[in-house]
C-alpha atoms as a PDB file:
ATOM      1  CA  UNK A   1      32.153 -11.104  -1.554  1.00  0.00           C
ATOM      2  CA  UNK A   2      34.180 -13.364  -3.823  1.00  0.00           C
ATOM      3  CA  UNK A   3      33.554 -12.858  -7.538  1.00  0.00           C
ATOM      4  CA  UNK A   4      33.237 -16.612  -8.105  1.00  0.00           C
ATOM      5  CA  UNK A   5      30.207 -17.447  -5.982  1.00  0.00           C
ATOM      6  CA  UNK A   6      29.962 -20.989  -7.371  1.00  0.00           C
ATOM      7  CA  UNK A   7      33.476 -21.990  -6.319  1.00  0.00           C
ATOM      8  CA  UNK A   8      34.076 -24.988  -4.064  1.00  0.00           C
ATOM      9  CA  UNK A   9      36.088 -24.557  -0.893  1.00  0.00           C
ATOM     10  CA  UNK A  10      38.921 -26.727  -2.249  1.00  0.00           C
ATOM     11  CA  UNK A  11      39.215 -24.327  -5.212  1.00  0.00           C
ATOM     12  CA  UNK A  12      39.918 -21.431  -2.865  1.00  0.00           C
ATOM     13  CA  UNK A  13      42.246 -23.214  -0.438  1.00  0.00           C
ATOM     14  CA  UNK A  14      45.589 -24.869  -1.247  1.00  0.00           C
ATOM     15  CA  UNK A  15      48.019 -26.740   0.956  1.00  0.00           C
ATOM     16  CA  UNK A  16      51.482 -25.162   0.520  1.00  0.00           C
ATOM     17  CA  UNK A  17      54.428 -26.509   2.558  1.00  0.00           C
ATOM     18  CA  UNK A  18      52.026 -27.881   5.123  1.00  0.00           C
ATOM     19  CA  UNK A  19      50.120 -24.592   5.466  1.00  0.00           C
ATOM     20  CA  UNK A  20      46.754 -23.596   4.075  1.00  0.00           C
ATOM     21  CA  UNK A  21      46.873 -20.790   1.514  1.00  0.00           C
ATOM     22  CA  UNK A  22      43.671 -18.916   0.613  1.00  0.00           C
ATOM     23  CA  UNK A  23      43.072 -17.531  -2.873  1.00  0.00           C
ATOM     24  CA  UNK A  24      40.268 -14.968  -3.101  1.00  0.00           C
ATOM     25  CA  UNK A  25      38.949 -12.857  -5.956  1.00  0.00           C
ATOM     26  CA  UNK A  26      37.155 -10.141  -4.038  1.00  0.00           C
ATOM     27  CA  UNK A  27      34.613  -7.885  -5.733  1.00  0.00           C
ATOM     28  CA  UNK A  28      35.496  -5.432  -2.969  1.00  0.00           C
ATOM     29  CA  UNK A  29      38.270  -6.227  -0.454  1.00  0.00           C
ATOM     30  CA  UNK A  30      36.932  -6.692   3.088  1.00  0.00           C
ATOM     31  CA  UNK A  31      37.745  -3.965   5.578  1.00  0.00           C
ATOM     32  CA  UNK A  32      37.197  -3.050   9.213  1.00  0.00           C
ATOM     33  CA  UNK A  33      35.369  -5.574  11.351  1.00  0.00           C
ATOM     34  CA  UNK A  34      34.663  -7.858   8.381  1.00  0.00           C
ATOM     35  CA  UNK A  35      38.408  -8.140   7.689  1.00  0.00           C
ATOM     36  CA  UNK A  36      39.091  -9.004  11.332  1.00  0.00           C
ATOM     37  CA  UNK A  37      36.380 -11.663  11.334  1.00  0.00           C
ATOM     38  CA  UNK A  38      37.796 -13.153   8.121  1.00  0.00           C
ATOM     39  CA  UNK A  39      41.237 -13.467   9.733  1.00  0.00           C
ATOM     40  CA  UNK A  40      39.678 -15.182  12.742  1.00  0.00           C
ATOM     41  CA  UNK A  41      37.842 -17.591  10.436  1.00  0.00           C
ATOM     42  CA  UNK A  42      41.049 -18.391   8.558  1.00  0.00           C
ATOM     43  CA  UNK A  43      42.770 -19.096  11.857  1.00  0.00           C
ATOM     44  CA  UNK A  44      40.041 -21.501  12.911  1.00  0.00           C
ATOM     45  CA  UNK A  45      40.191 -23.319   9.570  1.00  0.00           C
ATOM     46  CA  UNK A  46      43.981 -23.584   9.681  1.00  0.00           C
ATOM     47  CA  UNK A  47      44.077 -25.015  13.199  1.00  0.00           C
ATOM     48  CA  UNK A  48      40.986 -27.191  13.259  1.00  0.00           C
ATOM     49  CA  UNK A  49      40.053 -28.270   9.747  1.00  0.00           C
ATOM     50  CA  UNK A  50      41.811 -30.988   7.707  1.00  0.00           C
ATOM     51  CA  UNK A  51      41.838 -30.235   3.984  1.00  0.00           C
ATOM     52  CA  UNK A  52      39.340 -32.471   2.232  1.00  0.00           C
ATOM     53  CA  UNK A  53      39.122 -32.484  -1.546  1.00  0.00           C
ATOM     54  CA  UNK A  54      35.625 -33.970  -1.607  1.00  0.00           C
ATOM     55  CA  UNK A  55      32.491 -31.911  -2.153  1.00  0.00           C
ATOM     56  CA  UNK A  56      31.885 -29.430   0.639  1.00  0.00           C
ATOM     57  CA  UNK A  57      28.887 -30.195   2.868  1.00  0.00           C
ATOM     58  CA  UNK A  58      27.238 -28.954   6.038  1.00  0.00           C
ATOM     59  CA  UNK A  59      26.746 -31.210   9.058  1.00  0.00           C
ATOM     60  CA  UNK A  60      23.995 -30.518  11.588  1.00  0.00           C
ATOM     61  CA  UNK A  61      25.393 -31.057  15.085  1.00  0.00           C
ATOM     62  CA  UNK A  62      22.031 -31.207  16.883  1.00  0.00           C
ATOM     63  CA  UNK A  63      21.213 -34.488  15.154  1.00  0.00           C
ATOM     64  CA  UNK A  64      23.234 -37.700  15.465  1.00  0.00           C
ATOM     65  CA  UNK A  65      22.896 -38.301  11.722  1.00  0.00           C
ATOM     66  CA  UNK A  66      24.083 -34.785  10.893  1.00  0.00           C
ATOM     67  CA  UNK A  67      20.783 -33.959   9.163  1.00  0.00           C
ATOM     68  CA  UNK A  68      18.792 -30.768   9.641  1.00  0.00           C
ATOM     69  CA  UNK A  69      15.503 -31.226  11.492  1.00  0.00           C
ATOM     70  CA  UNK A  70      13.202 -28.175  11.830  1.00  0.00           C
ATOM     71  CA  UNK A  71      11.168 -29.800  14.605  1.00  0.00           C
ATOM     72  CA  UNK A  72      14.304 -30.344  16.665  1.00  0.00           C
ATOM     73  CA  UNK A  73      15.355 -26.727  16.079  1.00  0.00           C
ATOM     74  CA  UNK A  74      11.984 -25.489  17.374  1.00  0.00           C
ATOM     75  CA  UNK A  75      12.347 -27.718  20.434  1.00  0.00           C
ATOM     76  CA  UNK A  76      15.853 -26.401  21.137  1.00  0.00           C
ATOM     77  CA  UNK A  77      14.721 -22.776  20.787  1.00  0.00           C
ATOM     78  CA  UNK A  78      11.995 -23.399  23.357  1.00  0.00           C
ATOM     79  CA  UNK A  79      14.350 -25.247  25.666  1.00  0.00           C
ATOM     80  CA  UNK A  80      17.307 -22.876  25.558  1.00  0.00           C
ATOM     81  CA  UNK A  81      15.734 -19.473  24.976  1.00  0.00           C
ATOM     82  CA  UNK A  82      12.004 -18.965  25.152  1.00  0.00           C
ATOM     83  CA  UNK A  83      11.192 -21.020  28.244  1.00  0.00           C
ATOM     84  CA  UNK A  84      14.238 -20.335  30.391  1.00  0.00           C
ATOM     85  CA  UNK A  85      12.992 -19.473  33.898  1.00  0.00           C
ATOM     86  CA  UNK A  86      14.720 -16.712  35.823  1.00  0.00           C
ATOM     87  CA  UNK A  87      15.777 -14.839  32.686  1.00  0.00           C
ATOM     88  CA  UNK A  88      14.468 -11.345  31.851  1.00  0.00           C
ATOM     89  CA  UNK A  89      11.466 -11.829  29.540  1.00  0.00           C
ATOM     90  CA  UNK A  90      12.328 -15.526  29.758  1.00  0.00           C
ATOM     91  CA  UNK A  91       8.903 -16.954  28.927  1.00  0.00           C
ATOM     92  CA  UNK A  92       7.551 -15.525  25.700  1.00  0.00           C
ATOM     93  CA  UNK A  93       4.673 -17.910  25.080  1.00  0.00           C
ATOM     94  CA  UNK A  94       1.031 -17.303  24.383  1.00  0.00           C
ATOM     95  CA  UNK A  95      -0.865 -20.115  22.716  1.00  0.00           C
ATOM     96  CA  UNK A  96      -3.525 -17.747  21.357  1.00  0.00           C
ATOM     97  CA  UNK A  97      -1.085 -16.517  18.694  1.00  0.00           C
ATOM     98  CA  UNK A  98       1.612 -18.184  16.546  1.00  0.00           C
ATOM     99  CA  UNK A  99       4.887 -18.949  18.291  1.00  0.00           C
ATOM    100  CA  UNK A 100       6.860 -16.894  15.770  1.00  0.00           C
ATOM    101  CA  UNK A 101       5.296 -13.754  17.272  1.00  0.00           C
ATOM    102  CA  UNK A 102       6.496 -14.659  20.766  1.00  0.00           C
ATOM    103  CA  UNK A 103       9.974 -15.233  19.326  1.00  0.00           C
ATOM    104  CA  UNK A 104       9.834 -11.840  17.607  1.00  0.00           C
ATOM    105  CA  UNK A 105       8.876 -10.093  20.858  1.00  0.00           C
ATOM    106  CA  UNK A 106      11.631 -11.933  22.747  1.00  0.00           C
ATOM    107  CA  UNK A 107      14.162 -10.735  20.181  1.00  0.00           C
ATOM    108  CA  UNK A 108      12.803  -7.183  20.180  1.00  0.00           C
ATOM    109  CA  UNK A 109      13.065  -6.916  23.977  1.00  0.00           C
ATOM    110  CA  UNK A 110      16.730  -7.874  23.692  1.00  0.00           C
ATOM    111  CA  UNK A 111      17.455  -5.540  20.778  1.00  0.00           C
ATOM    112  CA  UNK A 112      18.012  -8.455  18.427  1.00  0.00           C
ATOM    113  CA  UNK A 113      15.894  -7.512  15.454  1.00  0.00           C
ATOM    114  CA  UNK A 114      17.914  -6.196  12.554  1.00  0.00           C
ATOM    115  CA  UNK A 115      17.224  -2.508  12.286  1.00  0.00           C
ATOM    116  CA  UNK A 116      19.674  -0.329  10.378  1.00  0.00           C
ATOM    117  CA  UNK A 117      21.494   0.560  13.589  1.00  0.00           C
ATOM    118  CA  UNK A 118      22.051  -3.136  14.337  1.00  0.00           C
ATOM    119  CA  UNK A 119      23.430  -3.688  10.815  1.00  0.00           C
ATOM    120  CA  UNK A 120      25.732  -0.709  11.337  1.00  0.00           C
ATOM    121  CA  UNK A 121      26.991  -2.192  14.616  1.00  0.00           C
ATOM    122  CA  UNK A 122      27.924  -5.327  12.698  1.00  0.00           C
ATOM    123  CA  UNK A 123      30.085  -3.341  10.288  1.00  0.00           C
ATOM    124  CA  UNK A 124      27.686  -3.585   7.336  1.00  0.00           C
ATOM    125  CA  UNK A 125      27.848  -0.523   5.075  1.00  0.00           C
ATOM    126  CA  UNK A 126      24.490   1.194   4.468  1.00  0.00           C
ATOM    127  CA  UNK A 127      23.612   4.369   2.607  1.00  0.00           C
ATOM    128  CA  UNK A 128      22.128   5.713   5.864  1.00  0.00           C
ATOM    129  CA  UNK A 129      20.740   4.493   9.176  1.00  0.00           C
ATOM    130  CA  UNK A 130      17.533   6.504   9.122  1.00  0.00           C
ATOM    131  CA  UNK A 131      14.095   4.973   9.616  1.00  0.00           C
ATOM    132  CA  UNK A 132      12.757   3.854   6.207  1.00  0.00           C
ATOM    133  CA  UNK A 133       9.217   4.874   7.175  1.00  0.00           C
ATOM    134  CA  UNK A 134       9.663   8.445   8.435  1.00  0.00           C
ATOM    135  CA  UNK A 135      13.223   9.047   7.184  1.00  0.00           C
ATOM    136  CA  UNK A 136      13.629  11.392  10.108  1.00  0.00           C
ATOM    137  CA  UNK A 137      15.233   9.503  13.008  1.00  0.00           C
ATOM    138  CA  UNK A 138      17.897   6.836  13.445  1.00  0.00           C
ATOM    139  CA  UNK A 139      16.311   3.408  13.094  1.00  0.00           C
ATOM    140  CA  UNK A 140      16.650   1.714  16.476  1.00  0.00           C
ATOM    141  CA  UNK A 141      14.368  -1.049  17.723  1.00  0.00           C
ATOM    142  CA  UNK A 142      12.579   1.401  20.025  1.00  0.00           C
ATOM    143  CA  UNK A 143      12.061   3.925  17.251  1.00  0.00           C
ATOM    144  CA  UNK A 144      10.728   1.372  14.786  1.00  0.00           C
ATOM    145  CA  UNK A 145       8.244  -0.246  17.168  1.00  0.00           C
ATOM    146  CA  UNK A 146       7.229   2.685  19.383  1.00  0.00           C
ATOM    147  CA  UNK A 147       8.346   6.245  18.622  1.00  0.00           C
ATOM    148  CA  UNK A 148       8.110   6.401  14.828  1.00  0.00           C
ATOM    149  CA  UNK A 149       5.034   8.416  13.801  1.00  0.00           C
ATOM    150  CA  UNK A 150       3.523   5.402  12.057  1.00  0.00           C
ATOM    151  CA  UNK A 151       4.104   3.143  15.087  1.00  0.00           C
ATOM    152  CA  UNK A 152       2.623   5.751  17.443  1.00  0.00           C
ATOM    153  CA  UNK A 153      -0.493   6.021  15.294  1.00  0.00           C
ATOM    154  CA  UNK A 154      -0.943   2.239  15.247  1.00  0.00           C
ATOM    155  CA  UNK A 155      -0.557   1.944  19.034  1.00  0.00           C
ATOM    156  CA  UNK A 156      -2.967   4.850  19.564  1.00  0.00           C
ATOM    157  CA  UNK A 157      -5.582   3.157  17.364  1.00  0.00           C
ATOM    158  CA  UNK A 158      -5.204  -0.141  19.256  1.00  0.00           C
ATOM    159  CA  UNK A 159      -5.437   1.531  22.649  1.00  0.00           C
ATOM    160  CA  UNK A 160      -8.479   3.532  21.507  1.00  0.00           C
ATOM    161  CA  UNK A 161     -10.057   0.232  20.524  1.00  0.00           C
ATOM    162  CA  UNK A 162      -9.576  -0.960  24.109  1.00  0.00           C
ATOM    163  CA  UNK A 163     -10.730   2.399  25.509  1.00  0.00           C
ATOM    164  CA  UNK A 164      -7.386   3.159  27.067  1.00  0.00           C
ATOM    165  CA  UNK A 165      -4.248   5.267  26.533  1.00  0.00           C
ATOM    166  CA  UNK A 166      -0.780   4.065  25.515  1.00  0.00           C
ATOM    167  CA  UNK A 167       2.077   4.366  28.027  1.00  0.00           C
ATOM    168  CA  UNK A 168       3.885   7.690  28.033  1.00  0.00           C
ATOM    169  CA  UNK A 169       7.134   5.846  27.424  1.00  0.00           C
ATOM    170  CA  UNK A 170       9.571   4.714  24.761  1.00  0.00           C
ATOM    171  CA  UNK A 171      10.390   1.507  26.626  1.00  0.00           C
ATOM    172  CA  UNK A 172       9.630  -1.750  24.829  1.00  0.00           C
ATOM    173  CA  UNK A 173       8.909  -3.401  28.168  1.00  0.00           C
ATOM    174  CA  UNK A 174       6.162  -0.899  28.935  1.00  0.00           C
ATOM    175  CA  UNK A 175       4.407  -1.827  25.695  1.00  0.00           C
ATOM    176  CA  UNK A 176       5.104  -5.573  25.554  1.00  0.00           C
ATOM    177  CA  UNK A 177       5.100  -6.523  29.231  1.00  0.00           C
ATOM    178  CA  UNK A 178       1.628  -5.325  29.948  1.00  0.00           C
ATOM    179  CA  UNK A 179       1.228  -2.425  32.370  1.00  0.00           C
ATOM    180  CA  UNK A 180      -2.200  -2.046  30.731  1.00  0.00           C
ATOM    181  CA  UNK A 181      -3.152  -5.557  31.913  1.00  0.00           C
ATOM    182  CA  UNK A 182      -3.258  -4.790  35.644  1.00  0.00           C
ATOM    183  CA  UNK A 183      -6.966  -3.988  35.859  1.00  0.00           C
ATOM    184  CA  UNK A 184      -8.129  -6.751  33.528  1.00  0.00           C
ATOM    185  CA  UNK A 185      -9.452 -10.192  34.333  1.00  0.00           C
ATOM    186  CA  UNK A 186      -6.984 -13.068  34.044  1.00  0.00           C
ATOM    187  CA  UNK A 187      -8.335 -14.126  30.666  1.00  0.00           C
ATOM    188  CA  UNK A 188      -8.498 -10.609  29.278  1.00  0.00           C
ATOM    189  CA  UNK A 189      -4.892 -10.064  30.372  1.00  0.00           C
ATOM    190  CA  UNK A 190      -3.872 -12.935  28.128  1.00  0.00           C
ATOM    191  CA  UNK A 191      -5.964 -11.583  25.257  1.00  0.00           C
ATOM    192  CA  UNK A 192      -4.461  -8.116  25.669  1.00  0.00           C
ATOM    193  CA  UNK A 193      -0.966  -9.625  25.743  1.00  0.00           C
ATOM    194  CA  UNK A 194      -1.791 -11.293  22.422  1.00  0.00           C
ATOM    195  CA  UNK A 195      -2.809  -7.941  20.963  1.00  0.00           C
ATOM    196  CA  UNK A 196       0.296  -6.150  22.298  1.00  0.00           C
ATOM    197  CA  UNK A 197       2.602  -8.706  20.739  1.00  0.00           C
ATOM    198  CA  UNK A 198       0.721  -8.886  17.434  1.00  0.00           C
ATOM    199  CA  UNK A 199       0.780  -5.077  17.221  1.00  0.00           C
ATOM    200  CA  UNK A 200       4.570  -4.976  17.481  1.00  0.00           C
ATOM    201  CA  UNK A 201       4.872  -7.791  14.949  1.00  0.00           C
ATOM    202  CA  UNK A 202       2.614  -6.058  12.399  1.00  0.00           C
ATOM    203  CA  UNK A 203       4.447  -2.752  12.811  1.00  0.00           C
ATOM    204  CA  UNK A 204       7.658  -4.636  11.973  1.00  0.00           C
ATOM    205  CA  UNK A 205       5.986  -6.293   8.970  1.00  0.00           C
ATOM    206  CA  UNK A 206       4.951  -2.871   7.704  1.00  0.00           C
ATOM    207  CA  UNK A 207       8.532  -1.638   8.112  1.00  0.00           C
ATOM    208  CA  UNK A 208       9.803  -4.607   6.087  1.00  0.00           C
ATOM    209  CA  UNK A 209       7.254  -3.898   3.363  1.00  0.00           C
ATOM    210  CA  UNK A 210       8.828  -0.466   2.983  1.00  0.00           C
ATOM    211  CA  UNK A 211      12.399  -1.828   3.027  1.00  0.00           C
ATOM    212  CA  UNK A 212      11.923  -4.677   0.584  1.00  0.00           C
ATOM    213  CA  UNK A 213       9.102  -3.430  -1.669  1.00  0.00           C
ATOM    214  CA  UNK A 214       9.303   0.335  -1.218  1.00  0.00           C
ATOM    215  CA  UNK A 215       5.700   0.371  -0.062  1.00  0.00           C
ATOM    216  CA  UNK A 216       3.859   0.419   3.265  1.00  0.00           C
ATOM    217  CA  UNK A 217       0.332   0.453   4.637  1.00  0.00           C
ATOM    218  CA  UNK A 218      -1.418   3.357   6.305  1.00  0.00           C
ATOM    219  CA  UNK A 219      -1.583   3.013  10.094  1.00  0.00           C
ATOM    220  CA  UNK A 220      -5.354   2.446   9.890  1.00  0.00           C
ATOM    221  CA  UNK A 221      -4.798  -0.599   7.641  1.00  0.00           C
ATOM    222  CA  UNK A 222      -2.218  -2.010  10.072  1.00  0.00           C
ATOM    223  CA  UNK A 223      -4.589  -1.519  13.027  1.00  0.00           C
ATOM    224  CA  UNK A 224      -7.475  -3.105  11.103  1.00  0.00           C
ATOM    225  CA  UNK A 225      -5.351  -6.127  10.185  1.00  0.00           C
ATOM    226  CA  UNK A 226      -4.372  -6.546  13.858  1.00  0.00           C
ATOM    227  CA  UNK A 227      -8.057  -6.649  14.828  1.00  0.00           C
ATOM    228  CA  UNK A 228      -8.830  -9.208  12.119  1.00  0.00           C
ATOM    229  CA  UNK A 229      -5.872 -11.524  12.751  1.00  0.00           C
ATOM    230  CA  UNK A 230      -6.209 -11.541  16.547  1.00  0.00           C
ATOM    231  CA  UNK A 231      -9.893 -12.367  16.151  1.00  0.00           C
ATOM    232  CA  UNK A 232      -9.112 -15.231  13.746  1.00  0.00           C
ATOM    233  CA  UNK A 233      -6.411 -16.622  16.028  1.00  0.00           C
ATOM    234  CA  UNK A 234      -8.689 -16.340  19.069  1.00  0.00           C
ATOM    235  CA  UNK A 235     -11.385 -18.305  17.245  1.00  0.00           C
ATOM    236  CA  UNK A 236      -9.000 -20.969  15.970  1.00  0.00           C
ATOM    237  CA  UNK A 237      -6.377 -21.293  18.716  1.00  0.00           C
ATOM    238  CA  UNK A 238      -8.303 -20.722  21.970  1.00  0.00           C
ATOM    239  CA  UNK A 239     -11.443 -22.215  23.461  1.00  0.00           C
ATOM    240  CA  UNK A 240     -13.394 -19.047  22.770  1.00  0.00           C
ATOM    241  CA  UNK A 241     -14.982 -20.371  19.581  1.00  0.00           C
ATOM    242  CA  UNK A 242     -18.236 -18.502  20.119  1.00  0.00           C
ATOM    243  CA  UNK A 243     -16.641 -15.073  20.297  1.00  0.00           C
ATOM    244  CA  UNK A 244     -18.623 -12.571  18.224  1.00  0.00           C
ATOM    245  CA  UNK A 245     -16.943 -10.345  15.621  1.00  0.00           C
ATOM    246  CA  UNK A 246     -19.118  -7.302  16.310  1.00  0.00           C
ATOM    247  CA  UNK A 247     -18.529  -7.524  20.032  1.00  0.00           C
ATOM    248  CA  UNK A 248     -14.811  -8.057  19.415  1.00  0.00           C
ATOM    249  CA  UNK A 249     -14.658  -5.016  17.184  1.00  0.00           C
ATOM    250  CA  UNK A 250     -16.649  -2.696  19.447  1.00  0.00           C
ATOM    251  CA  UNK A 251     -15.487  -3.673  22.942  1.00  0.00           C
ATOM    252  CA  UNK A 252     -13.157  -6.638  23.504  1.00  0.00           C
ATOM    253  CA  UNK A 253     -12.238  -5.390  27.000  1.00  0.00           C
ATOM    254  CA  UNK A 254     -15.854  -5.935  28.089  1.00  0.00           C
ATOM    255  CA  UNK A 255     -15.918  -9.579  27.065  1.00  0.00           C
ATOM    256  CA  UNK A 256     -16.363 -12.089  29.872  1.00  0.00           C
ATOM    257  CA  UNK A 257     -15.202 -15.678  29.629  1.00  0.00           C
ATOM    258  CA  UNK A 258     -15.874 -18.798  31.670  1.00  0.00           C
ATOM    259  CA  UNK A 259     -13.057 -20.086  33.859  1.00  0.00           C
ATOM    260  CA  UNK A 260     -10.797 -22.615  32.166  1.00  0.00           C
ATOM    261  CA  UNK A 261      -8.103 -24.725  33.687  1.00  0.00           C
ATOM    262  CA  UNK A 262      -4.387 -24.041  33.299  1.00  0.00           C
ATOM    263  CA  UNK A 263      -4.023 -26.094  30.138  1.00  0.00           C
ATOM    264  CA  UNK A 264      -5.544 -23.192  28.226  1.00  0.00           C
ATOM    265  CA  UNK A 265      -2.917 -20.790  29.556  1.00  0.00           C
ATOM    266  CA  UNK A 266       0.442 -20.340  27.958  1.00  0.00           C
END
């Protein structure tokens, strides 16, 4: 990191004899992969970027006016990533829960959530790469969401709620892709998918609470919050407005729903 974080680009780059010369004041000189990436960046700037002494600015290439548009970004994510047919885990949509949870699950299945191991792969120095919850195992995606003691306890509580047993597996696909759904009705399969995905998302939230606030919830609190939030989202985002809280809490797998057309599926 440069010591002058408020500097403009034209204060760090000078044109000398037709060549760009970079002047840095590093707090700590870059090394390893970061140093290599910096050299690549300098090469790109030298070959592709004319020196402009105006104020530096970003330009958004997805918009003709160069302006950032969050709605367009969401559309592009759906188009290029979430809804790509023929790709492994290519459709991560369920309109009973917020889209951000489907995106999280899609990223988790591809190992793209930033655990300590993923930071380490990117050459970022950390004090250690152990799980911040149990401080006992290396923090991989699979460990964080499935095999950590806290994660196991949460999954066990959720499966007990549905009168079932969790997969004897450490595979994300076995938990997020729904082997448990086989013997359920079509509608209950979608509800159970919602719960699977929300469970993984809340386990990750609990992990982040520990990382950023040095605190975390007991597994029973996480499981309770999953029950509450999935119930709220079912009431507000699906057609099952009349669903009863007591019945939801005591036996959601026994619920029966009228047949709806495909517009309610997603």
